[in-house]
N, C-alpha and C. Protein backbone atom coordinates (compact mmCIF):
# COMPACT_ATOMS: atom_id res chain seq x y z
N MET A 1 0.85 -1.19 0.00
CA MET A 1 0.00 0.00 0.00
C MET A 1 0.89 1.24 0.00
N ILE A 2 0.52 2.20 -0.79
CA ILE A 2 1.26 3.46 -0.83
C ILE A 2 0.81 4.30 0.36
N ASP A 3 1.75 4.66 1.23
CA ASP A 3 1.38 5.46 2.40
C ASP A 3 1.25 6.94 2.00
N LEU A 4 0.74 7.74 2.92
CA LEU A 4 0.46 9.15 2.64
C LEU A 4 1.72 9.93 2.25
N LYS A 5 2.82 9.62 2.88
CA LYS A 5 4.07 10.32 2.59
C LYS A 5 4.49 10.06 1.13
N LYS A 6 4.35 8.82 0.70
CA LYS A 6 4.73 8.47 -0.67
C LYS A 6 3.72 9.03 -1.68
N MET A 7 2.43 9.07 -1.29
CA MET A 7 1.44 9.69 -2.17
C MET A 7 1.76 11.16 -2.38
N LYS A 8 2.17 11.83 -1.31
CA LYS A 8 2.54 13.23 -1.43
C LYS A 8 3.73 13.38 -2.36
N ARG A 9 4.65 12.45 -2.28
CA ARG A 9 5.83 12.51 -3.16
C ARG A 9 5.41 12.34 -4.63
N ILE A 10 4.48 11.44 -4.88
CA ILE A 10 3.98 11.26 -6.25
C ILE A 10 3.32 12.55 -6.74
N ILE A 11 2.54 13.17 -5.87
CA ILE A 11 1.90 14.44 -6.23
C ILE A 11 2.95 15.51 -6.52
N ASP A 12 4.01 15.52 -5.72
CA ASP A 12 5.11 16.46 -5.98
C ASP A 12 5.71 16.20 -7.36
N PHE A 13 5.92 14.93 -7.68
CA PHE A 13 6.46 14.59 -9.00
C PHE A 13 5.53 15.08 -10.11
N LEU A 14 4.21 14.97 -9.88
CA LEU A 14 3.24 15.44 -10.88
C LEU A 14 3.38 16.96 -11.08
N HIS A 15 3.47 17.69 -9.97
CA HIS A 15 3.63 19.15 -10.07
C HIS A 15 4.93 19.52 -10.76
N GLU A 16 5.96 18.73 -10.52
CA GLU A 16 7.27 18.99 -11.14
C GLU A 16 7.35 18.47 -12.58
N LYS A 17 6.32 17.72 -12.98
CA LYS A 17 6.31 17.05 -14.29
C LYS A 17 7.50 16.08 -14.42
N ASN A 18 7.83 15.48 -13.30
CA ASN A 18 8.93 14.50 -13.26
C ASN A 18 8.31 13.11 -13.43
N TRP A 19 7.91 12.82 -14.67
CA TRP A 19 7.21 11.59 -14.98
C TRP A 19 8.06 10.36 -14.69
N ALA A 20 9.34 10.43 -15.02
CA ALA A 20 10.21 9.28 -14.82
C ALA A 20 10.28 8.90 -13.35
N ALA A 21 10.40 9.88 -12.47
CA ALA A 21 10.47 9.59 -11.03
C ALA A 21 9.15 9.02 -10.52
N ALA A 22 8.04 9.57 -11.01
CA ALA A 22 6.74 9.06 -10.59
C ALA A 22 6.57 7.60 -11.02
N HIS A 23 6.91 7.32 -12.28
CA HIS A 23 6.79 5.94 -12.77
C HIS A 23 7.75 5.00 -12.03
N ALA A 24 8.94 5.48 -11.72
CA ALA A 24 9.90 4.64 -11.00
C ALA A 24 9.37 4.27 -9.61
N MET A 25 8.78 5.24 -8.92
CA MET A 25 8.22 4.96 -7.60
C MET A 25 7.06 3.97 -7.71
N LEU A 26 6.22 4.16 -8.72
CA LEU A 26 5.09 3.25 -8.91
C LEU A 26 5.57 1.86 -9.32
N ASP A 27 6.61 1.79 -10.15
CA ASP A 27 7.18 0.50 -10.52
C ASP A 27 7.64 -0.28 -9.29
N GLU A 28 8.28 0.44 -8.38
CA GLU A 28 8.77 -0.19 -7.15
C GLU A 28 7.61 -0.77 -6.33
N HIS A 29 6.55 0.01 -6.19
CA HIS A 29 5.38 -0.47 -5.43
C HIS A 29 4.66 -1.58 -6.16
N GLU A 30 4.59 -1.48 -7.48
CA GLU A 30 3.89 -2.49 -8.26
C GLU A 30 4.62 -3.83 -8.21
N SER A 31 5.93 -3.79 -8.17
CA SER A 31 6.67 -5.06 -8.09
C SER A 31 6.46 -5.72 -6.73
N ALA A 32 6.25 -4.92 -5.70
CA ALA A 32 6.01 -5.47 -4.36
C ALA A 32 4.60 -6.03 -4.24
N ASP A 33 3.63 -5.38 -4.88
CA ASP A 33 2.24 -5.84 -4.82
C ASP A 33 1.56 -5.54 -6.15
N PRO A 34 1.64 -6.48 -7.09
CA PRO A 34 1.12 -6.24 -8.44
C PRO A 34 -0.40 -6.09 -8.54
N ASN A 35 -1.12 -6.33 -7.48
CA ASN A 35 -2.58 -6.23 -7.53
C ASN A 35 -3.14 -5.03 -6.77
N GLU A 36 -2.27 -4.18 -6.27
CA GLU A 36 -2.73 -3.07 -5.45
C GLU A 36 -3.45 -2.00 -6.28
N ALA A 37 -4.65 -1.66 -5.86
CA ALA A 37 -5.47 -0.68 -6.58
C ALA A 37 -4.89 0.72 -6.49
N THR A 38 -4.29 1.08 -5.36
CA THR A 38 -3.74 2.43 -5.21
C THR A 38 -2.66 2.70 -6.25
N VAL A 39 -1.82 1.74 -6.49
CA VAL A 39 -0.77 1.90 -7.51
C VAL A 39 -1.42 2.07 -8.88
N ALA A 40 -2.41 1.27 -9.18
CA ALA A 40 -3.09 1.36 -10.48
C ALA A 40 -3.75 2.73 -10.64
N HIS A 41 -4.36 3.23 -9.59
CA HIS A 41 -4.98 4.56 -9.65
C HIS A 41 -3.93 5.62 -9.98
N TRP A 42 -2.84 5.62 -9.23
CA TRP A 42 -1.82 6.65 -9.43
C TRP A 42 -1.11 6.50 -10.77
N ARG A 43 -0.95 5.29 -11.25
CA ARG A 43 -0.34 5.09 -12.57
C ARG A 43 -1.22 5.75 -13.64
N ALA A 44 -2.52 5.55 -13.55
CA ALA A 44 -3.43 6.16 -14.51
C ALA A 44 -3.39 7.68 -14.41
N VAL A 45 -3.29 8.20 -13.21
CA VAL A 45 -3.21 9.65 -13.01
C VAL A 45 -1.94 10.20 -13.67
N VAL A 46 -0.82 9.54 -13.44
CA VAL A 46 0.45 10.00 -14.03
C VAL A 46 0.36 9.96 -15.55
N LEU A 47 -0.15 8.87 -16.09
CA LEU A 47 -0.29 8.78 -17.55
C LEU A 47 -1.17 9.91 -18.09
N ARG A 48 -2.28 10.17 -17.40
CA ARG A 48 -3.17 11.25 -17.82
C ARG A 48 -2.46 12.60 -17.78
N GLU A 49 -1.76 12.87 -16.70
CA GLU A 49 -1.07 14.15 -16.56
C GLU A 49 0.04 14.31 -17.59
N GLU A 50 0.62 13.20 -18.01
CA GLU A 50 1.63 13.23 -19.07
C GLU A 50 1.02 13.51 -20.44
N GLY A 51 -0.31 13.41 -20.51
CA GLY A 51 -0.97 13.57 -21.80
C GLY A 51 -1.09 12.26 -22.55
N ARG A 52 -0.86 11.17 -21.86
CA ARG A 52 -0.92 9.84 -22.47
C ARG A 52 -2.28 9.20 -22.16
N CYS A 53 -3.34 9.90 -22.58
CA CYS A 53 -4.71 9.49 -22.23
C CYS A 53 -5.08 8.13 -22.79
N GLU A 54 -4.67 7.84 -24.02
CA GLU A 54 -4.98 6.52 -24.62
C GLU A 54 -4.36 5.40 -23.77
N GLU A 55 -3.12 5.61 -23.34
CA GLU A 55 -2.45 4.60 -22.50
C GLU A 55 -3.14 4.48 -21.15
N ALA A 56 -3.58 5.62 -20.59
CA ALA A 56 -4.28 5.58 -19.31
C ALA A 56 -5.60 4.80 -19.44
N LEU A 57 -6.31 5.04 -20.55
CA LEU A 57 -7.55 4.29 -20.80
C LEU A 57 -7.29 2.79 -20.85
N GLN A 58 -6.27 2.41 -21.60
CA GLN A 58 -5.94 0.99 -21.73
C GLN A 58 -5.47 0.41 -20.40
N TYR A 59 -4.66 1.17 -19.69
CA TYR A 59 -4.16 0.71 -18.39
C TYR A 59 -5.32 0.44 -17.43
N LEU A 60 -6.27 1.37 -17.37
CA LEU A 60 -7.42 1.17 -16.49
C LEU A 60 -8.25 -0.04 -16.91
N ALA A 61 -8.44 -0.21 -18.21
CA ALA A 61 -9.19 -1.37 -18.71
C ALA A 61 -8.48 -2.67 -18.34
N ASP A 62 -7.17 -2.69 -18.52
CA ASP A 62 -6.39 -3.89 -18.22
C ASP A 62 -6.32 -4.20 -16.73
N ASN A 63 -6.52 -3.19 -15.90
CA ASN A 63 -6.36 -3.36 -14.45
C ASN A 63 -7.66 -3.19 -13.67
N LEU A 64 -8.79 -3.29 -14.35
CA LEU A 64 -10.09 -3.15 -13.71
C LEU A 64 -10.23 -4.12 -12.53
N TYR A 65 -9.67 -5.30 -12.66
CA TYR A 65 -9.78 -6.33 -11.62
C TYR A 65 -9.19 -5.88 -10.27
N ARG A 66 -8.28 -4.92 -10.29
CA ARG A 66 -7.63 -4.47 -9.05
C ARG A 66 -8.55 -3.66 -8.15
N PHE A 67 -9.57 -3.05 -8.72
CA PHE A 67 -10.39 -2.09 -8.01
C PHE A 67 -11.64 -2.72 -7.43
N ASP A 68 -11.92 -2.43 -6.16
CA ASP A 68 -13.16 -2.89 -5.54
C ASP A 68 -14.36 -2.18 -6.14
N CYS A 69 -14.21 -0.89 -6.43
CA CYS A 69 -15.31 -0.10 -6.99
C CYS A 69 -15.08 0.08 -8.49
N LYS A 70 -15.77 -0.73 -9.26
CA LYS A 70 -15.66 -0.66 -10.73
C LYS A 70 -16.23 0.66 -11.26
N SER A 71 -17.25 1.20 -10.59
CA SER A 71 -17.85 2.46 -11.03
C SER A 71 -16.83 3.59 -11.04
N GLY A 72 -15.93 3.58 -10.07
CA GLY A 72 -14.88 4.59 -10.02
C GLY A 72 -13.96 4.51 -11.22
N VAL A 73 -13.68 3.30 -11.68
CA VAL A 73 -12.82 3.11 -12.85
C VAL A 73 -13.53 3.59 -14.11
N PHE A 74 -14.80 3.21 -14.26
CA PHE A 74 -15.55 3.67 -15.44
C PHE A 74 -15.68 5.19 -15.44
N HIS A 75 -15.82 5.78 -14.25
CA HIS A 75 -15.87 7.23 -14.13
C HIS A 75 -14.54 7.84 -14.60
N LYS A 76 -13.42 7.30 -14.13
CA LYS A 76 -12.11 7.83 -14.55
C LYS A 76 -11.92 7.68 -16.06
N ARG A 77 -12.35 6.56 -16.59
CA ARG A 77 -12.25 6.38 -18.05
C ARG A 77 -13.14 7.39 -18.78
N ALA A 78 -14.33 7.65 -18.24
CA ALA A 78 -15.21 8.65 -18.85
C ALA A 78 -14.56 10.04 -18.80
N GLU A 79 -13.90 10.35 -17.70
CA GLU A 79 -13.20 11.64 -17.61
C GLU A 79 -12.09 11.73 -18.66
N LEU A 80 -11.40 10.64 -18.89
CA LEU A 80 -10.34 10.64 -19.91
C LEU A 80 -10.93 10.87 -21.30
N PHE A 81 -12.02 10.18 -21.62
CA PHE A 81 -12.67 10.41 -22.92
C PHE A 81 -13.11 11.87 -23.04
N HIS A 82 -13.66 12.43 -21.95
CA HIS A 82 -14.08 13.83 -21.94
C HIS A 82 -12.88 14.75 -22.19
N GLN A 83 -11.79 14.47 -21.51
CA GLN A 83 -10.57 15.26 -21.68
C GLN A 83 -10.08 15.21 -23.13
N MET A 84 -10.30 14.07 -23.78
CA MET A 84 -9.88 13.90 -25.18
C MET A 84 -10.90 14.49 -26.16
N GLY A 85 -12.00 15.05 -25.62
CA GLY A 85 -13.00 15.68 -26.47
C GLY A 85 -14.03 14.75 -27.04
N ASN A 86 -14.15 13.55 -26.47
CA ASN A 86 -15.11 12.58 -26.98
C ASN A 86 -16.18 12.31 -25.92
N ASP A 87 -17.13 13.26 -25.82
CA ASP A 87 -18.16 13.14 -24.78
C ASP A 87 -19.12 11.99 -25.02
N SER A 88 -19.36 11.61 -26.27
CA SER A 88 -20.25 10.48 -26.51
C SER A 88 -19.61 9.19 -25.99
N ALA A 89 -18.32 9.03 -26.19
CA ALA A 89 -17.62 7.86 -25.63
C ALA A 89 -17.58 7.94 -24.11
N ALA A 90 -17.45 9.15 -23.57
CA ALA A 90 -17.43 9.33 -22.11
C ALA A 90 -18.77 8.88 -21.51
N LEU A 91 -19.84 9.32 -22.13
CA LEU A 91 -21.17 8.94 -21.63
C LEU A 91 -21.40 7.44 -21.78
N ALA A 92 -20.99 6.88 -22.90
CA ALA A 92 -21.13 5.43 -23.10
C ALA A 92 -20.33 4.66 -22.05
N GLU A 93 -19.17 5.17 -21.71
CA GLU A 93 -18.30 4.50 -20.72
C GLU A 93 -18.94 4.52 -19.34
N ILE A 94 -19.46 5.66 -18.94
CA ILE A 94 -20.04 5.74 -17.59
C ILE A 94 -21.33 4.94 -17.49
N GLU A 95 -21.99 4.74 -18.61
CA GLU A 95 -23.20 3.91 -18.61
C GLU A 95 -22.87 2.44 -18.35
N LYS A 96 -21.63 2.03 -18.55
CA LYS A 96 -21.20 0.65 -18.27
C LYS A 96 -21.02 0.39 -16.77
N ALA A 97 -20.92 1.46 -16.00
CA ALA A 97 -20.61 1.32 -14.57
C ALA A 97 -21.77 0.67 -13.81
N PRO A 98 -21.46 -0.23 -12.89
CA PRO A 98 -22.50 -0.86 -12.07
C PRO A 98 -22.91 0.05 -10.90
N LEU A 99 -23.40 1.25 -11.23
CA LEU A 99 -23.65 2.29 -10.23
C LEU A 99 -24.57 1.83 -9.11
N ASP A 100 -25.72 1.31 -9.47
CA ASP A 100 -26.71 0.96 -8.44
C ASP A 100 -26.24 -0.17 -7.54
N SER A 101 -25.56 -1.16 -8.10
CA SER A 101 -25.13 -2.29 -7.27
C SER A 101 -23.95 -1.94 -6.36
N GLU A 102 -23.25 -0.87 -6.66
CA GLU A 102 -22.10 -0.48 -5.83
C GLU A 102 -22.41 0.69 -4.90
N LEU A 103 -23.59 1.24 -4.98
CA LEU A 103 -23.93 2.44 -4.22
C LEU A 103 -23.75 2.26 -2.71
N GLU A 104 -24.22 1.16 -2.19
CA GLU A 104 -24.15 0.96 -0.74
C GLU A 104 -22.71 0.88 -0.24
N ASP A 105 -21.86 0.16 -0.94
CA ASP A 105 -20.48 -0.04 -0.49
C ASP A 105 -19.53 1.09 -0.86
N HIS A 106 -19.86 1.85 -1.89
CA HIS A 106 -18.95 2.88 -2.40
C HIS A 106 -19.72 4.16 -2.73
N SER A 107 -20.50 4.63 -1.78
CA SER A 107 -21.44 5.72 -2.07
C SER A 107 -20.76 6.98 -2.61
N ALA A 108 -19.65 7.40 -2.05
CA ALA A 108 -19.01 8.64 -2.50
C ALA A 108 -18.56 8.53 -3.96
N LEU A 109 -17.92 7.42 -4.31
CA LEU A 109 -17.45 7.25 -5.69
C LEU A 109 -18.62 7.12 -6.66
N VAL A 110 -19.66 6.43 -6.26
CA VAL A 110 -20.81 6.22 -7.14
C VAL A 110 -21.58 7.52 -7.35
N VAL A 111 -21.80 8.29 -6.29
CA VAL A 111 -22.52 9.56 -6.45
C VAL A 111 -21.71 10.50 -7.33
N ASP A 112 -20.40 10.52 -7.19
CA ASP A 112 -19.57 11.36 -8.04
C ASP A 112 -19.68 10.92 -9.50
N ALA A 113 -19.71 9.62 -9.74
CA ALA A 113 -19.87 9.11 -11.10
C ALA A 113 -21.26 9.48 -11.65
N LYS A 114 -22.28 9.37 -10.82
CA LYS A 114 -23.63 9.73 -11.26
C LYS A 114 -23.71 11.22 -11.59
N PHE A 115 -23.05 12.05 -10.80
CA PHE A 115 -23.04 13.48 -11.07
C PHE A 115 -22.34 13.77 -12.40
N PHE A 116 -21.22 13.09 -12.63
CA PHE A 116 -20.50 13.31 -13.89
C PHE A 116 -21.35 12.85 -15.08
N ARG A 117 -22.10 11.78 -14.90
CA ARG A 117 -23.03 11.34 -15.95
C ARG A 117 -24.04 12.45 -16.25
N LEU A 118 -24.61 13.07 -15.20
CA LEU A 118 -25.56 14.16 -15.41
C LEU A 118 -24.88 15.35 -16.09
N TYR A 119 -23.64 15.62 -15.73
CA TYR A 119 -22.89 16.69 -16.37
C TYR A 119 -22.74 16.42 -17.87
N LEU A 120 -22.35 15.20 -18.20
CA LEU A 120 -22.20 14.83 -19.62
C LEU A 120 -23.54 14.91 -20.35
N MET A 121 -24.60 14.46 -19.71
CA MET A 121 -25.92 14.51 -20.32
C MET A 121 -26.34 15.97 -20.55
N THR A 122 -26.04 16.83 -19.59
CA THR A 122 -26.36 18.25 -19.72
C THR A 122 -25.59 18.86 -20.88
N GLN A 123 -24.30 18.54 -20.98
CA GLN A 123 -23.47 19.06 -22.07
C GLN A 123 -24.00 18.61 -23.43
N ALA A 124 -24.54 17.40 -23.47
CA ALA A 124 -25.06 16.86 -24.73
C ALA A 124 -26.50 17.28 -25.01
N GLY A 125 -27.13 17.97 -24.05
CA GLY A 125 -28.52 18.38 -24.23
C GLY A 125 -29.51 17.25 -24.12
N LEU A 126 -29.12 16.18 -23.43
CA LEU A 126 -29.99 15.02 -23.28
C LEU A 126 -30.97 15.23 -22.13
N PRO A 127 -32.14 14.64 -22.22
CA PRO A 127 -33.11 14.77 -21.13
C PRO A 127 -32.64 14.00 -19.89
N ILE A 128 -32.91 14.58 -18.73
CA ILE A 128 -32.55 13.96 -17.46
C ILE A 128 -33.84 13.79 -16.66
N SER A 129 -34.06 12.58 -16.19
CA SER A 129 -35.30 12.29 -15.44
C SER A 129 -35.21 12.85 -14.02
N LEU A 130 -36.36 13.04 -13.43
CA LEU A 130 -36.42 13.50 -12.04
C LEU A 130 -35.71 12.50 -11.14
N ASP A 131 -35.88 11.21 -11.39
CA ASP A 131 -35.21 10.18 -10.58
C ASP A 131 -33.69 10.34 -10.63
N GLN A 132 -33.16 10.67 -11.80
CA GLN A 132 -31.71 10.87 -11.91
C GLN A 132 -31.26 12.08 -11.10
N TRP A 133 -32.04 13.16 -11.14
CA TRP A 133 -31.69 14.34 -10.33
C TRP A 133 -31.74 14.02 -8.85
N LEU A 134 -32.74 13.21 -8.45
CA LEU A 134 -32.92 12.89 -7.03
C LEU A 134 -31.82 11.98 -6.48
N GLU A 135 -31.06 11.35 -7.35
CA GLU A 135 -29.94 10.51 -6.90
C GLU A 135 -28.79 11.34 -6.33
N ILE A 136 -28.79 12.63 -6.61
CA ILE A 136 -27.70 13.51 -6.18
C ILE A 136 -28.21 14.39 -5.03
N PRO A 137 -27.50 14.43 -3.90
CA PRO A 137 -27.91 15.30 -2.79
C PRO A 137 -27.97 16.77 -3.24
N ASP A 138 -28.90 17.52 -2.68
CA ASP A 138 -29.10 18.91 -3.08
C ASP A 138 -27.86 19.77 -2.86
N ASP A 139 -27.07 19.47 -1.84
CA ASP A 139 -25.90 20.30 -1.53
C ASP A 139 -24.61 19.75 -2.16
N TYR A 140 -24.75 18.87 -3.11
CA TYR A 140 -23.58 18.21 -3.71
C TYR A 140 -22.78 19.17 -4.58
N ILE A 141 -21.46 19.09 -4.45
CA ILE A 141 -20.53 19.85 -5.29
C ILE A 141 -19.50 18.87 -5.81
N SER A 142 -19.24 18.92 -7.10
CA SER A 142 -18.27 18.02 -7.72
C SER A 142 -17.10 18.82 -8.27
N LEU A 143 -15.96 18.20 -8.26
CA LEU A 143 -14.77 18.77 -8.88
C LEU A 143 -14.61 18.09 -10.24
N LEU A 144 -14.84 18.85 -11.30
CA LEU A 144 -14.76 18.30 -12.65
C LEU A 144 -13.30 18.09 -13.06
N PRO A 145 -13.05 17.31 -14.10
CA PRO A 145 -11.67 17.07 -14.54
C PRO A 145 -10.91 18.37 -14.89
N THR A 146 -11.64 19.42 -15.22
CA THR A 146 -11.02 20.71 -15.55
C THR A 146 -10.56 21.45 -14.30
N GLY A 147 -10.96 20.97 -13.13
CA GLY A 147 -10.65 21.66 -11.88
C GLY A 147 -11.78 22.58 -11.43
N GLU A 148 -12.80 22.71 -12.26
CA GLU A 148 -13.95 23.56 -11.94
C GLU A 148 -14.86 22.85 -10.95
N ARG A 149 -15.33 23.61 -9.96
CA ARG A 149 -16.30 23.08 -9.01
C ARG A 149 -17.70 23.41 -9.52
N VAL A 150 -18.54 22.39 -9.55
CA VAL A 150 -19.91 22.57 -10.02
C VAL A 150 -20.85 21.94 -9.00
N SER A 151 -21.83 22.74 -8.56
CA SER A 151 -22.82 22.24 -7.61
C SER A 151 -24.01 21.66 -8.36
N LYS A 152 -24.82 20.92 -7.63
CA LYS A 152 -26.04 20.38 -8.24
C LYS A 152 -26.92 21.53 -8.72
N GLY A 153 -26.99 22.60 -7.94
CA GLY A 153 -27.79 23.75 -8.34
C GLY A 153 -27.29 24.37 -9.65
N GLN A 154 -25.97 24.49 -9.78
CA GLN A 154 -25.41 25.04 -11.02
C GLN A 154 -25.70 24.11 -12.20
N LEU A 155 -25.56 22.81 -11.98
CA LEU A 155 -25.81 21.86 -13.05
C LEU A 155 -27.29 21.88 -13.46
N THR A 156 -28.16 21.99 -12.48
CA THR A 156 -29.59 22.08 -12.77
C THR A 156 -29.89 23.31 -13.62
N ALA A 157 -29.29 24.44 -13.26
CA ALA A 157 -29.49 25.66 -14.04
C ALA A 157 -28.93 25.52 -15.45
N MET A 158 -27.78 24.90 -15.58
CA MET A 158 -27.19 24.67 -16.92
C MET A 158 -28.14 23.81 -17.75
N SER A 159 -28.72 22.81 -17.13
CA SER A 159 -29.63 21.89 -17.84
C SER A 159 -30.87 22.62 -18.33
N ARG A 160 -31.38 23.53 -17.55
CA ARG A 160 -32.58 24.29 -17.94
C ARG A 160 -32.31 25.20 -19.12
N ARG A 161 -31.10 25.71 -19.23
CA ARG A 161 -30.75 26.64 -20.32
C ARG A 161 -30.58 25.93 -21.63
N ARG A 162 -30.42 24.64 -21.63
CA ARG A 162 -30.16 23.90 -22.88
C ARG A 162 -31.44 23.49 -23.54
């Protein structure tokens, strides 16, 4: 398991754009525990930050088995497709997520994935049912892949304007 001190070091490497050092640290952890989800998560993050989105997509697909919450992986893959400008693929990807079956065990990750699905639907001008809106708490705020914070209220207003 990557401890907090090492996670901070990986984040430092990301800020420094020191991809080689980040990958080297992850390689070391991966050789010690090839099935650890934390390493797989950070590897995908580093690949994304490097601009290697296609590789990050493939890496997440190849390592889906490592993650307890599959919805979180489909959400990350949807974010990558969105970052690449392919919102239809992003929406298709998030629709593959087992959101309802994982809600009880992974509520934070699932609600965030559901919010991102609504965001993508809003961007595409697709209709959103009342039931889908009710799945998100009224005071919910999400951090989008762009770094922008969007509340449920803001998303609702965006949806009405479309």
